[in-house]
Amino acid sequence: KYDLSEEEIKPYFQLDNLVQGMFWSAGQLYGLEFKENTGAVPV
């Protein structure tokens, strides 16, 4: 119907990029900034 498959979309949806995208959106909307500090606190 739409010449569209999930497999056509997935190559553009790399998880690390999407994480940065959600951070960027939060910055644009609410002024929040996210800076990775993995290793600085216990997990």
PDB file of all heavy atoms in Angstrom:
ATOM      1  N   LYS A   1       0.810  -1.222   0.000  1.00  0.00           N
ATOM      2  CA  LYS A   1       0.000   0.000   0.000  1.00  0.00           C
ATOM      3  C   LYS A   1       0.841   1.268   0.000  1.00  0.00           C
ATOM      4  O   LYS A   1       0.505   2.261  -0.649  1.00  0.00           O
ATOM      5  CB  LYS A   1      -0.922   0.014   1.233  1.00  0.00           C
ATOM      6  CG  LYS A   1      -2.276  -0.642   1.029  1.00  0.00           C
ATOM      7  CD  LYS A   1      -3.200  -0.284   2.194  1.00  0.00           C
ATOM      8  CE  LYS A   1      -4.623  -0.740   1.922  1.00  0.00           C
ATOM      9  NZ  LYS A   1      -5.553  -0.298   2.977  1.00  0.00           N
ATOM     10  N   TYR A   2       1.919   1.228   0.758  1.00  0.00           N
ATOM     11  CA  TYR A   2       2.682   2.451   0.983  1.00  0.00           C
ATOM     12  C   TYR A   2       4.136   2.338   0.549  1.00  0.00           C
ATOM     13  O   TYR A   2       4.916   3.270   0.759  1.00  0.00           O
ATOM     14  CB  TYR A   2       2.630   2.831   2.473  1.00  0.00           C
ATOM     15  CG  TYR A   2       1.234   3.003   2.988  1.00  0.00           C
ATOM     16  CD1 TYR A   2       0.611   1.999   3.725  1.00  0.00           C
ATOM     17  CD2 TYR A   2       0.514   4.170   2.728  1.00  0.00           C
ATOM     18  CE1 TYR A   2      -0.678   2.142   4.201  1.00  0.00           C
ATOM     19  CE2 TYR A   2      -0.774   4.326   3.199  1.00  0.00           C
ATOM     20  CZ  TYR A   2      -1.371   3.311   3.933  1.00  0.00           C
ATOM     21  OH  TYR A   2      -2.655   3.465   4.404  1.00  0.00           O
ATOM     22  N   ASP A   3       4.497   1.201  -0.047  1.00  0.00           N
ATOM     23  CA  ASP A   3       5.883   0.944  -0.419  1.00  0.00           C
ATOM     24  C   ASP A   3       6.793   1.197   0.780  1.00  0.00           C
ATOM     25  O   ASP A   3       7.835   1.836   0.675  1.00  0.00           O
ATOM     26  CB  ASP A   3       6.300   1.831  -1.607  1.00  0.00           C
ATOM     27  CG  ASP A   3       7.672   1.436  -2.155  1.00  0.00           C
ATOM     28  OD1 ASP A   3       8.051   0.247  -2.011  1.00  0.00           O
ATOM     29  OD2 ASP A   3       8.364   2.312  -2.705  1.00  0.00           O
ATOM     30  N   LEU A   4       6.360   0.700   1.938  1.00  0.00           N
ATOM     31  CA  LEU A   4       7.060   0.971   3.193  1.00  0.00           C
ATOM     32  C   LEU A   4       7.176  -0.308   3.996  1.00  0.00           C
ATOM     33  O   LEU A   4       6.210  -1.040   4.162  1.00  0.00           O
ATOM     34  CB  LEU A   4       6.289   2.018   4.011  1.00  0.00           C
ATOM     35  CG  LEU A   4       6.889   2.404   5.365  1.00  0.00           C
ATOM     36  CD1 LEU A   4       8.205   3.137   5.177  1.00  0.00           C
ATOM     37  CD2 LEU A   4       5.897   3.272   6.142  1.00  0.00           C
ATOM     38  N   SER A   5       8.380  -0.567   4.492  1.00  0.00           N
ATOM     39  CA  SER A   5       8.619  -1.719   5.350  1.00  0.00           C
ATOM     40  C   SER A   5       9.430  -1.286   6.558  1.00  0.00           C
ATOM     41  O   SER A   5      10.220  -0.330   6.485  1.00  0.00           O
ATOM     42  CB  SER A   5       9.390  -2.808   4.585  1.00  0.00           C
ATOM     43  OG  SER A   5       9.869  -3.800   5.465  1.00  0.00           O
ATOM     44  N   GLU A   6       9.220  -1.990   7.670  1.00  0.00           N
ATOM     45  CA  GLU A   6      10.023  -1.716   8.862  1.00  0.00           C
ATOM     46  C   GLU A   6      11.512  -1.811   8.546  1.00  0.00           C
ATOM     47  O   GLU A   6      12.318  -1.061   9.086  1.00  0.00           O
ATOM     48  CB  GLU A   6       9.670  -2.704   9.977  1.00  0.00           C
ATOM     49  CG  GLU A   6       8.438  -2.334  10.785  1.00  0.00           C
ATOM     50  CD  GLU A   6       8.708  -1.239  11.810  1.00  0.00           C
ATOM     51  OE1 GLU A   6       9.821  -0.677  11.820  1.00  0.00           O
ATOM     52  OE2 GLU A   6       7.798  -0.943  12.600  1.00  0.00           O
ATOM     53  N   GLU A   7      11.866  -2.748   7.660  1.00  0.00           N
ATOM     54  CA  GLU A   7      13.280  -2.934   7.341  1.00  0.00           C
ATOM     55  C   GLU A   7      13.855  -1.757   6.569  1.00  0.00           C
ATOM     56  O   GLU A   7      15.068  -1.574   6.520  1.00  0.00           O
ATOM     57  CB  GLU A   7      13.472  -4.233   6.567  1.00  0.00           C
ATOM     58  CG  GLU A   7      13.372  -5.476   7.434  1.00  0.00           C
ATOM     59  CD  GLU A   7      14.338  -5.411   8.616  1.00  0.00           C
ATOM     60  OE1 GLU A   7      15.550  -5.617   8.417  1.00  0.00           O
ATOM     61  OE2 GLU A   7      13.881  -5.142   9.740  1.00  0.00           O
ATOM     62  N   GLU A   8      12.987  -0.949   5.973  1.00  0.00           N
ATOM     63  CA  GLU A   8      13.444   0.266   5.296  1.00  0.00           C
ATOM     64  C   GLU A   8      13.705   1.377   6.308  1.00  0.00           C
ATOM     65  O   GLU A   8      14.561   2.243   6.087  1.00  0.00           O
ATOM     66  CB  GLU A   8      12.370   0.714   4.291  1.00  0.00           C
ATOM     67  CG  GLU A   8      12.805   1.863   3.381  1.00  0.00           C
ATOM     68  CD  GLU A   8      11.733   2.232   2.377  1.00  0.00           C
ATOM     69  OE1 GLU A   8      10.644   1.614   2.389  1.00  0.00           O
ATOM     70  OE2 GLU A   8      11.983   3.160   1.571  1.00  0.00           O
ATOM     71  N   ILE A   9      12.983   1.334   7.426  1.00  0.00           N
ATOM     72  CA  ILE A   9      13.103   2.378   8.450  1.00  0.00           C
ATOM     73  C   ILE A   9      14.276   2.111   9.394  1.00  0.00           C
ATOM     74  O   ILE A   9      15.030   3.025   9.750  1.00  0.00           O
ATOM     75  CB  ILE A   9      11.793   2.474   9.262  1.00  0.00           C
ATOM     76  CG1 ILE A   9      10.610   2.821   8.348  1.00  0.00           C
ATOM     77  CG2 ILE A   9      11.919   3.497  10.390  1.00  0.00           C
ATOM     78  CD1 ILE A   9       9.251   2.710   9.027  1.00  0.00           C
ATOM     79  N   LYS A  10      14.457   0.852   9.792  1.00  0.00           N
ATOM     80  CA  LYS A  10      15.410   0.525  10.854  1.00  0.00           C
ATOM     81  C   LYS A  10      16.842   1.000  10.605  1.00  0.00           C
ATOM     82  O   LYS A  10      17.507   1.429  11.558  1.00  0.00           O
ATOM     83  CB  LYS A  10      15.399  -0.983  11.118  1.00  0.00           C
ATOM     84  CG  LYS A  10      14.200  -1.452  11.930  1.00  0.00           C
ATOM     85  CD  LYS A  10      14.213  -2.950  12.154  1.00  0.00           C
ATOM     86  CE  LYS A  10      15.324  -3.390  13.068  1.00  0.00           C
ATOM     87  NZ  LYS A  10      15.237  -4.838  13.406  1.00  0.00           N
ATOM     88  N   PRO A  11      17.370   0.968   9.381  1.00  0.00           N
ATOM     89  CA  PRO A  11      18.752   1.446   9.199  1.00  0.00           C
ATOM     90  C   PRO A  11      18.955   2.895   9.630  1.00  0.00           C
ATOM     91  O   PRO A  11      20.083   3.313   9.916  1.00  0.00           O
ATOM     92  CB  PRO A  11      18.991   1.273   7.701  1.00  0.00           C
ATOM     93  CG  PRO A  11      18.059   0.185   7.292  1.00  0.00           C
ATOM     94  CD  PRO A  11      16.842   0.387   8.134  1.00  0.00           C
ATOM     95  N   TYR A  12      17.859   3.672   9.669  1.00  0.00           N
ATOM     96  CA  TYR A  12      17.958   5.079  10.074  1.00  0.00           C
ATOM     97  C   TYR A  12      17.718   5.264  11.573  1.00  0.00           C
ATOM     98  O   TYR A  12      17.924   6.355  12.095  1.00  0.00           O
ATOM     99  CB  TYR A  12      16.943   5.924   9.293  1.00  0.00           C
ATOM    100  CG  TYR A  12      17.240   6.001   7.820  1.00  0.00           C
ATOM    101  CD1 TYR A  12      16.636   5.123   6.932  1.00  0.00           C
ATOM    102  CD2 TYR A  12      18.142   6.942   7.316  1.00  0.00           C
ATOM    103  CE1 TYR A  12      16.910   5.179   5.564  1.00  0.00           C
ATOM    104  CE2 TYR A  12      18.427   7.006   5.961  1.00  0.00           C
ATOM    105  CZ  TYR A  12      17.813   6.114   5.095  1.00  0.00           C
ATOM    106  OH  TYR A  12      18.099   6.179   3.743  1.00  0.00           O
ATOM    107  N   PHE A  13      17.273   4.208  12.238  1.00  0.00           N
ATOM    108  CA  PHE A  13      16.972   4.311  13.659  1.00  0.00           C
ATOM    109  C   PHE A  13      18.018   3.564  14.474  1.00  0.00           C
ATOM    110  O   PHE A  13      17.776   2.499  15.037  1.00  0.00           O
ATOM    111  CB  PHE A  13      15.575   3.753  13.949  1.00  0.00           C
ATOM    112  CG  PHE A  13      14.449   4.717  13.658  1.00  0.00           C
ATOM    113  CD1 PHE A  13      13.129   4.335  13.824  1.00  0.00           C
ATOM    114  CD2 PHE A  13      14.708   5.999  13.224  1.00  0.00           C
ATOM    115  CE1 PHE A  13      12.087   5.213  13.561  1.00  0.00           C
ATOM    116  CE2 PHE A  13      13.684   6.890  12.946  1.00  0.00           C
ATOM    117  CZ  PHE A  13      12.368   6.495  13.121  1.00  0.00           C
ATOM    118  N   GLN A  14      19.215   4.169  14.524  1.00  0.00           N
ATOM    119  CA  GLN A  14      20.278   3.622  15.352  1.00  0.00           C
ATOM    120  C   GLN A  14      20.085   4.151  16.769  1.00  0.00           C
ATOM    121  O   GLN A  14      19.911   5.356  16.988  1.00  0.00           O
ATOM    122  CB  GLN A  14      21.651   4.021  14.811  1.00  0.00           C
ATOM    123  CG  GLN A  14      22.799   3.346  15.544  1.00  0.00           C
ATOM    124  CD  GLN A  14      24.143   3.603  14.879  1.00  0.00           C
ATOM    125  OE1 GLN A  14      24.198   4.248  13.835  1.00  0.00           O
ATOM    126  NE2 GLN A  14      25.210   3.110  15.468  1.00  0.00           N
ATOM    127  N   LEU A  15      20.117   3.265  17.733  1.00  0.00           N
ATOM    128  CA  LEU A  15      19.727   3.609  19.094  1.00  0.00           C
ATOM    129  C   LEU A  15      20.508   4.795  19.649  1.00  0.00           C
ATOM    130  O   LEU A  15      19.919   5.722  20.215  1.00  0.00           O
ATOM    131  CB  LEU A  15      19.892   2.386  20.002  1.00  0.00           C
ATOM    132  CG  LEU A  15      19.467   2.582  21.456  1.00  0.00           C
ATOM    133  CD1 LEU A  15      18.002   2.965  21.562  1.00  0.00           C
ATOM    134  CD2 LEU A  15      19.743   1.321  22.267  1.00  0.00           C
ATOM    135  N   ASP A  16      21.807   4.806  19.510  1.00  0.00           N
ATOM    136  CA  ASP A  16      22.602   5.897  20.078  1.00  0.00           C
ATOM    137  C   ASP A  16      22.190   7.244  19.493  1.00  0.00           C
ATOM    138  O   ASP A  16      22.142   8.257  20.206  1.00  0.00           O
ATOM    139  CB  ASP A  16      24.097   5.652  19.832  1.00  0.00           C
ATOM    140  CG  ASP A  16      24.669   4.598  20.764  1.00  0.00           C
ATOM    141  OD1 ASP A  16      23.979   4.236  21.735  1.00  0.00           O
ATOM    142  OD2 ASP A  16      25.789   4.122  20.514  1.00  0.00           O
ATOM    143  N   ASN A  17      21.908   7.269  18.198  1.00  0.00           N
ATOM    144  CA  ASN A  17      21.469   8.519  17.569  1.00  0.00           C
ATOM    145  C   ASN A  17      20.109   8.953  18.107  1.00  0.00           C
ATOM    146  O   ASN A  17      19.857  10.151  18.319  1.00  0.00           O
ATOM    147  CB  ASN A  17      21.397   8.357  16.057  1.00  0.00           C
ATOM    148  CG  ASN A  17      22.770   8.275  15.412  1.00  0.00           C
ATOM    149  OD1 ASN A  17      23.772   8.619  16.038  1.00  0.00           O
ATOM    150  ND2 ASN A  17      22.822   7.815  14.185  1.00  0.00           N
ATOM    151  N   LEU A  18      19.217   7.992  18.296  1.00  0.00           N
ATOM    152  CA  LEU A  18      17.892   8.331  18.811  1.00  0.00           C
ATOM    153  C   LEU A  18      17.966   8.869  20.238  1.00  0.00           C
ATOM    154  O   LEU A  18      17.213   9.774  20.612  1.00  0.00           O
ATOM    155  CB  LEU A  18      16.986   7.103  18.765  1.00  0.00           C
ATOM    156  CG  LEU A  18      16.565   6.624  17.371  1.00  0.00           C
ATOM    157  CD1 LEU A  18      15.765   5.334  17.480  1.00  0.00           C
ATOM    158  CD2 LEU A  18      15.753   7.689  16.642  1.00  0.00           C
ATOM    159  N   VAL A  19      18.872   8.310  21.039  1.00  0.00           N
ATOM    160  CA  VAL A  19      19.060   8.828  22.397  1.00  0.00           C
ATOM    161  C   VAL A  19      19.483  10.294  22.340  1.00  0.00           C
ATOM    162  O   VAL A  19      18.974  11.139  23.086  1.00  0.00           O
ATOM    163  CB  VAL A  19      20.093   7.982  23.169  1.00  0.00           C
ATOM    164  CG1 VAL A  19      20.511   8.676  24.464  1.00  0.00           C
ATOM    165  CG2 VAL A  19      19.531   6.595  23.467  1.00  0.00           C
ATOM    166  N   GLN A  20      20.411  10.592  21.446  1.00  0.00           N
ATOM    167  CA  GLN A  20      20.816  11.987  21.290  1.00  0.00           C
ATOM    168  C   GLN A  20      19.664  12.845  20.784  1.00  0.00           C
ATOM    169  O   GLN A  20      19.528  14.019  21.159  1.00  0.00           O
ATOM    170  CB  GLN A  20      22.017  12.082  20.339  1.00  0.00           C
ATOM    171  CG  GLN A  20      23.291  11.462  20.889  1.00  0.00           C
ATOM    172  CD  GLN A  20      23.680  12.046  22.242  1.00  0.00           C
ATOM    173  OE1 GLN A  20      23.683  13.264  22.437  1.00  0.00           O
ATOM    174  NE2 GLN A  20      24.006  11.166  23.185  1.00  0.00           N
ATOM    175  N   GLY A  21      18.823  12.257  19.938  1.00  0.00           N
ATOM    176  CA  GLY A  21      17.670  12.990  19.422  1.00  0.00           C
ATOM    177  C   GLY A  21      16.663  13.329  20.507  1.00  0.00           C
ATOM    178  O   GLY A  21      16.111  14.440  20.538  1.00  0.00           O
ATOM    179  N   MET A  22      16.436  12.408  21.413  1.00  0.00           N
ATOM    180  CA  MET A  22      15.472  12.704  22.485  1.00  0.00           C
ATOM    181  C   MET A  22      16.056  13.733  23.448  1.00  0.00           C
ATOM    182  O   MET A  22      15.326  14.587  23.975  1.00  0.00           O
ATOM    183  CB  MET A  22      15.044  11.424  23.204  1.00  0.00           C
ATOM    184  CG  MET A  22      16.076  10.746  24.052  1.00  0.00           C
ATOM    185  SD  MET A  22      15.469   9.127  24.661  1.00  0.00           S
ATOM    186  CE  MET A  22      16.691   8.805  25.952  1.00  0.00           C
ATOM    187  N   PHE A  23      17.369  13.679  23.672  1.00  0.00           N
ATOM    188  CA  PHE A  23      18.008  14.702  24.500  1.00  0.00           C
ATOM    189  C   PHE A  23      17.889  16.076  23.841  1.00  0.00           C
ATOM    190  O   PHE A  23      17.571  17.076  24.497  1.00  0.00           O
ATOM    191  CB  PHE A  23      19.490  14.367  24.711  1.00  0.00           C
ATOM    192  CG  PHE A  23      19.753  13.191  25.607  1.00  0.00           C
ATOM    193  CD1 PHE A  23      21.007  12.583  25.611  1.00  0.00           C
ATOM    194  CD2 PHE A  23      18.781  12.684  26.453  1.00  0.00           C
ATOM    195  CE1 PHE A  23      21.275  11.501  26.439  1.00  0.00           C
ATOM    196  CE2 PHE A  23      19.037  11.596  27.281  1.00  0.00           C
ATOM    197  CZ  PHE A  23      20.296  11.004  27.269  1.00  0.00           C
ATOM    198  N   TRP A  24      18.157  16.127  22.537  1.00  0.00           N
ATOM    199  CA  TRP A  24      18.096  17.395  21.809  1.00  0.00           C
ATOM    200  C   TRP A  24      16.692  17.987  21.882  1.00  0.00           C
ATOM    201  O   TRP A  24      16.521  19.192  22.103  1.00  0.00           O
ATOM    202  CB  TRP A  24      18.510  17.182  20.352  1.00  0.00           C
ATOM    203  CG  TRP A  24      18.490  18.433  19.520  1.00  0.00           C
ATOM    204  CD1 TRP A  24      19.475  19.375  19.408  1.00  0.00           C
ATOM    205  CD2 TRP A  24      17.409  18.887  18.691  1.00  0.00           C
ATOM    206  NE1 TRP A  24      19.084  20.380  18.548  1.00  0.00           N
ATOM    207  CE2 TRP A  24      17.816  20.105  18.102  1.00  0.00           C
ATOM    208  CE3 TRP A  24      16.157  18.382  18.387  1.00  0.00           C
ATOM    209  CZ2 TRP A  24      17.007  20.816  17.221  1.00  0.00           C
ATOM    210  CZ3 TRP A  24      15.340  19.095  17.511  1.00  0.00           C
ATOM    211  CH2 TRP A  24      15.758  20.288  16.936  1.00  0.00           C
ATOM    212  N   SER A  25      15.675  17.157  21.706  1.00  0.00           N
ATOM    213  CA  SER A  25      14.294  17.627  21.771  1.00  0.00           C
ATOM    214  C   SER A  25      13.991  18.230  23.135  1.00  0.00           C
ATOM    215  O   SER A  25      13.345  19.283  23.236  1.00  0.00           O
ATOM    216  CB  SER A  25      13.325  16.476  21.496  1.00  0.00           C
ATOM    217  OG  SER A  25      13.453  15.998  20.185  1.00  0.00           O
ATOM    218  N   ALA A  26      14.439  17.562  24.206  1.00  0.00           N
ATOM    219  CA  ALA A  26      14.211  18.077  25.552  1.00  0.00           C
ATOM    220  C   ALA A  26      14.885  19.427  25.749  1.00  0.00           C
ATOM    221  O   ALA A  26      14.382  20.293  26.470  1.00  0.00           O
ATOM    222  CB  ALA A  26      14.716  17.081  26.589  1.00  0.00           C
ATOM    223  N   GLY A  27      16.015  19.607  25.090  1.00  0.00           N
ATOM    224  CA  GLY A  27      16.692  20.894  25.160  1.00  0.00           C
ATOM    225  C   GLY A  27      15.920  21.989  24.462  1.00  0.00           C
ATOM    226  O   GLY A  27      15.782  23.110  24.974  1.00  0.00           O
ATOM    227  N   GLN A  28      15.407  21.673  23.278  1.00  0.00           N
ATOM    228  CA  GLN A  28      14.646  22.658  22.517  1.00  0.00           C
ATOM    229  C   GLN A  28      13.357  23.049  23.233  1.00  0.00           C
ATOM    230  O   GLN A  28      12.944  24.208  23.203  1.00  0.00           O
ATOM    231  CB  GLN A  28      14.300  22.098  21.134  1.00  0.00           C
ATOM    232  CG  GLN A  28      15.504  21.797  20.261  1.00  0.00           C
ATOM    233  CD  GLN A  28      16.346  23.029  20.015  1.00  0.00           C
ATOM    234  OE1 GLN A  28      15.872  24.037  19.482  1.00  0.00           O
ATOM    235  NE2 GLN A  28      17.607  22.975  20.404  1.00  0.00           N
ATOM    236  N   LEU A  29      12.718  22.090  23.872  1.00  0.00           N
ATOM    237  CA  LEU A  29      11.418  22.336  24.485  1.00  0.00           C
ATOM    238  C   LEU A  29      11.521  22.891  25.901  1.00  0.00           C
ATOM    239  O   LEU A  29      10.765  23.793  26.275  1.00  0.00           O
ATOM    240  CB  LEU A  29      10.619  21.029  24.519  1.00  0.00           C
ATOM    241  CG  LEU A  29      10.176  20.486  23.158  1.00  0.00           C
ATOM    242  CD1 LEU A  29       9.784  19.018  23.276  1.00  0.00           C
ATOM    243  CD2 LEU A  29       9.022  21.302  22.601  1.00  0.00           C
ATOM    244  N   TYR A  30      12.449  22.357  26.696  1.00  0.00           N
ATOM    245  CA  TYR A  30      12.457  22.659  28.129  1.00  0.00           C
ATOM    246  C   TYR A  30      13.788  23.193  28.643  1.00  0.00           C
ATOM    247  O   TYR A  30      13.944  23.392  29.849  1.00  0.00           O
ATOM    248  CB  TYR A  30      12.092  21.396  28.924  1.00  0.00           C
ATOM    249  CG  TYR A  30      10.895  20.664  28.358  1.00  0.00           C
ATOM    250  CD1 TYR A  30      11.044  19.400  27.781  1.00  0.00           C
ATOM    251  CD2 TYR A  30       9.626  21.246  28.371  1.00  0.00           C
ATOM    252  CE1 TYR A  30       9.955  18.728  27.246  1.00  0.00           C
ATOM    253  CE2 TYR A  30       8.531  20.582  27.834  1.00  0.00           C
ATOM    254  CZ  TYR A  30       8.703  19.326  27.272  1.00  0.00           C
ATOM    255  OH  TYR A  30       7.628  18.670  26.741  1.00  0.00           O
ATOM    256  N   GLY A  31      14.753  23.389  27.746  1.00  0.00           N
ATOM    257  CA  GLY A  31      16.046  23.921  28.170  1.00  0.00           C
ATOM    258  C   GLY A  31      16.911  22.937  28.920  1.00  0.00           C
ATOM    259  O   GLY A  31      17.889  23.332  29.572  1.00  0.00           O
ATOM    260  N   LEU A  32      16.610  21.638  28.842  1.00  0.00           N
ATOM    261  CA  LEU A  32      17.407  20.621  29.526  1.00  0.00           C
ATOM    262  C   LEU A  32      18.575  20.184  28.654  1.00  0.00           C
ATOM    263  O   LEU A  32      18.420  19.989  27.443  1.00  0.00           O
ATOM    264  CB  LEU A  32      16.546  19.399  29.864  1.00  0.00           C
ATOM    265  CG  LEU A  32      15.382  19.627  30.831  1.00  0.00           C
ATOM    266  CD1 LEU A  32      14.514  18.386  30.922  1.00  0.00           C
ATOM    267  CD2 LEU A  32      15.891  20.017  32.219  1.00  0.00           C
ATOM    268  N   GLU A  33      19.741  20.020  29.252  1.00  0.00           N
ATOM    269  CA  GLU A  33      20.919  19.543  28.532  1.00  0.00           C
ATOM    270  C   GLU A  33      21.437  18.277  29.212  1.00  0.00           C
ATOM    271  O   GLU A  33      21.465  18.195  30.447  1.00  0.00           O
ATOM    272  CB  GLU A  33      22.013  20.614  28.503  1.00  0.00           C
ATOM    273  CG  GLU A  33      21.601  21.872  27.736  1.00  0.00           C
ATOM    274  CD  GLU A  33      22.724  22.889  27.645  1.00  0.00           C
ATOM    275  OE1 GLU A  33      23.865  22.537  28.043  1.00  0.00           O
ATOM    276  OE2 GLU A  33      22.469  24.017  27.201  1.00  0.00           O
ATOM    277  N   PHE A  34      21.854  17.308  28.403  1.00  0.00           N
ATOM    278  CA  PHE A  34      22.305  16.012  28.900  1.00  0.00           C
ATOM    279  C   PHE A  34      23.750  15.781  28.462  1.00  0.00           C
ATOM    280  O   PHE A  34      24.056  15.823  27.276  1.00  0.00           O
ATOM    281  CB  PHE A  34      21.414  14.896  28.358  1.00  0.00           C
ATOM    282  CG  PHE A  34      19.997  14.940  28.862  1.00  0.00           C
ATOM    283  CD1 PHE A  34      19.090  15.864  28.349  1.00  0.00           C
ATOM    284  CD2 PHE A  34      19.573  14.077  29.856  1.00  0.00           C
ATOM    285  CE1 PHE A  34      17.788  15.920  28.813  1.00  0.00           C
ATOM    286  CE2 PHE A  34      18.273  14.115  30.327  1.00  0.00           C
ATOM    287  CZ  PHE A  34      17.372  15.049  29.803  1.00  0.00           C
ATOM    288  N   LYS A  35      24.617  15.535  29.430  1.00  0.00           N
ATOM    289  CA  LYS A  35      26.024  15.274  29.144  1.00  0.00           C
ATOM    290  C   LYS A  35      26.404  13.945  29.772  1.00  0.00           C
ATOM    291  O   LYS A  35      26.269  13.751  30.980  1.00  0.00           O
ATOM    292  CB  LYS A  35      26.904  16.392  29.710  1.00  0.00           C
ATOM    293  CG  LYS A  35      28.390  16.199  29.418  1.00  0.00           C
ATOM    294  CD  LYS A  35      29.215  17.347  29.988  1.00  0.00           C
ATOM    295  CE  LYS A  35      30.703  17.156  29.701  1.00  0.00           C
ATOM    296  NZ  LYS A  35      31.510  18.264  30.278  1.00  0.00           N
ATOM    297  N   GLU A  36      26.890  13.013  28.940  1.00  0.00           N
ATOM    298  CA  GLU A  36      27.204  11.690  29.462  1.00  0.00           C
ATOM    299  C   GLU A  36      28.358  11.763  30.464  1.00  0.00           C
ATOM    300  O   GLU A  36      29.374  12.418  30.221  1.00  0.00           O
ATOM    301  CB  GLU A  36      27.547  10.719  28.336  1.00  0.00           C
ATOM    302  CG  GLU A  36      27.815   9.299  28.831  1.00  0.00           C
ATOM    303  CD  GLU A  36      27.579   8.226  27.795  1.00  0.00           C
ATOM    304  OE1 GLU A  36      27.429   8.568  26.604  1.00  0.00           O
ATOM    305  OE2 GLU A  36      27.532   7.043  28.170  1.00  0.00           O
ATOM    306  N   ASN A  37      28.173  11.063  31.579  1.00  0.00           N
ATOM    307  CA  ASN A  37      29.233  10.981  32.598  1.00  0.00           C
ATOM    308  C   ASN A  37      29.360   9.550  33.109  1.00  0.00           C
ATOM    309  O   ASN A  37      29.697   9.321  34.276  1.00  0.00           O
ATOM    310  CB  ASN A  37      28.961  11.949  33.748  1.00  0.00           C
ATOM    311  CG  ASN A  37      27.699  11.605  34.531  1.00  0.00           C
ATOM    312  OD1 ASN A  37      26.869  10.829  34.067  1.00  0.00           O
ATOM    313  ND2 ASN A  37      27.545  12.189  35.717  1.00  0.00           N
ATOM    314  N   THR A  38      29.078   8.589  32.221  1.00  0.00           N
ATOM    315  CA  THR A  38      29.196   7.181  32.597  1.00  0.00           C
ATOM    316  C   THR A  38      30.575   6.910  33.191  1.00  0.00           C
ATOM    317  O   THR A  38      31.593   7.300  32.617  1.00  0.00           O
ATOM    318  CB  THR A  38      28.963   6.274  31.375  1.00  0.00           C
ATOM    319  OG1 THR A  38      27.652   6.522  30.868  1.00  0.00           O
ATOM    320  CG2 THR A  38      29.092   4.808  31.747  1.00  0.00           C
ATOM    321  N   GLY A  39      30.595   6.264  34.348  1.00  0.00           N
ATOM    322  CA  GLY A  39      31.842   6.004  35.063  1.00  0.00           C
ATOM    323  C   GLY A  39      32.070   6.949  36.211  1.00  0.00           C
ATOM    324  O   GLY A  39      32.885   6.670  37.100  1.00  0.00           O
ATOM    325  N   ALA A  40      31.326   8.070  36.226  1.00  0.00           N
ATOM    326  CA  ALA A  40      31.517   9.058  37.289  1.00  0.00           C
ATOM    327  C   ALA A  40      30.741   8.701  38.549  1.00  0.00           C
ATOM    328  O   ALA A  40      31.083   9.164  39.646  1.00  0.00           O
ATOM    329  CB  ALA A  40      31.093  10.444  36.802  1.00  0.00           C
ATOM    330  N   VAL A  41      29.680   7.905  38.403  1.00  0.00           N
ATOM    331  CA  VAL A  41      28.877   7.494  39.560  1.00  0.00           C
ATOM    332  C   VAL A  41      28.661   5.985  39.489  1.00  0.00           C
ATOM    333  O   VAL A  41      28.718   5.389  38.403  1.00  0.00           O
ATOM    334  CB  VAL A  41      27.513   8.229  39.598  1.00  0.00           C
ATOM    335  CG1 VAL A  41      27.709   9.720  39.765  1.00  0.00           C
ATOM    336  CG2 VAL A  41      26.693   7.914  38.362  1.00  0.00           C
ATOM    337  N   PRO A  42      28.403   5.332  40.615  1.00  0.00           N
ATOM    338  CA  PRO A  42      28.164   3.886  40.589  1.00  0.00           C
ATOM    339  C   PRO A  42      26.889   3.546  39.810  1.00  0.00           C
ATOM    340  O   PRO A  42      25.928   4.322  39.794  1.00  0.00           O
ATOM    341  CB  PRO A  42      28.001   3.527  42.074  1.00  0.00           C
ATOM    342  CG  PRO A  42      28.602   4.664  42.824  1.00  0.00           C
ATOM    343  CD  PRO A  42      28.394   5.874  41.990  1.00  0.00           C
ATOM    344  N   VAL A  43      26.891   2.383  39.175  1.00  0.00           N
ATOM    345  CA  VAL A  43      25.713   1.876  38.473  1.00  0.00           C
ATOM    346  C   VAL A  43      25.469   0.436  38.917  1.00  0.00           C
ATOM    347  O   VAL A  43      26.356  -0.221  39.457  1.00  0.00           O
ATOM    348  CB  VAL A  43      25.878   1.953  36.938  1.00  0.00           C
ATOM    349  CG1 VAL A  43      25.917   3.397  36.476  1.00  0.00           C
ATOM    350  CG2 VAL A  43      27.130   1.211  36.484  1.00  0.00           C
TER     351      VAL A  43
END
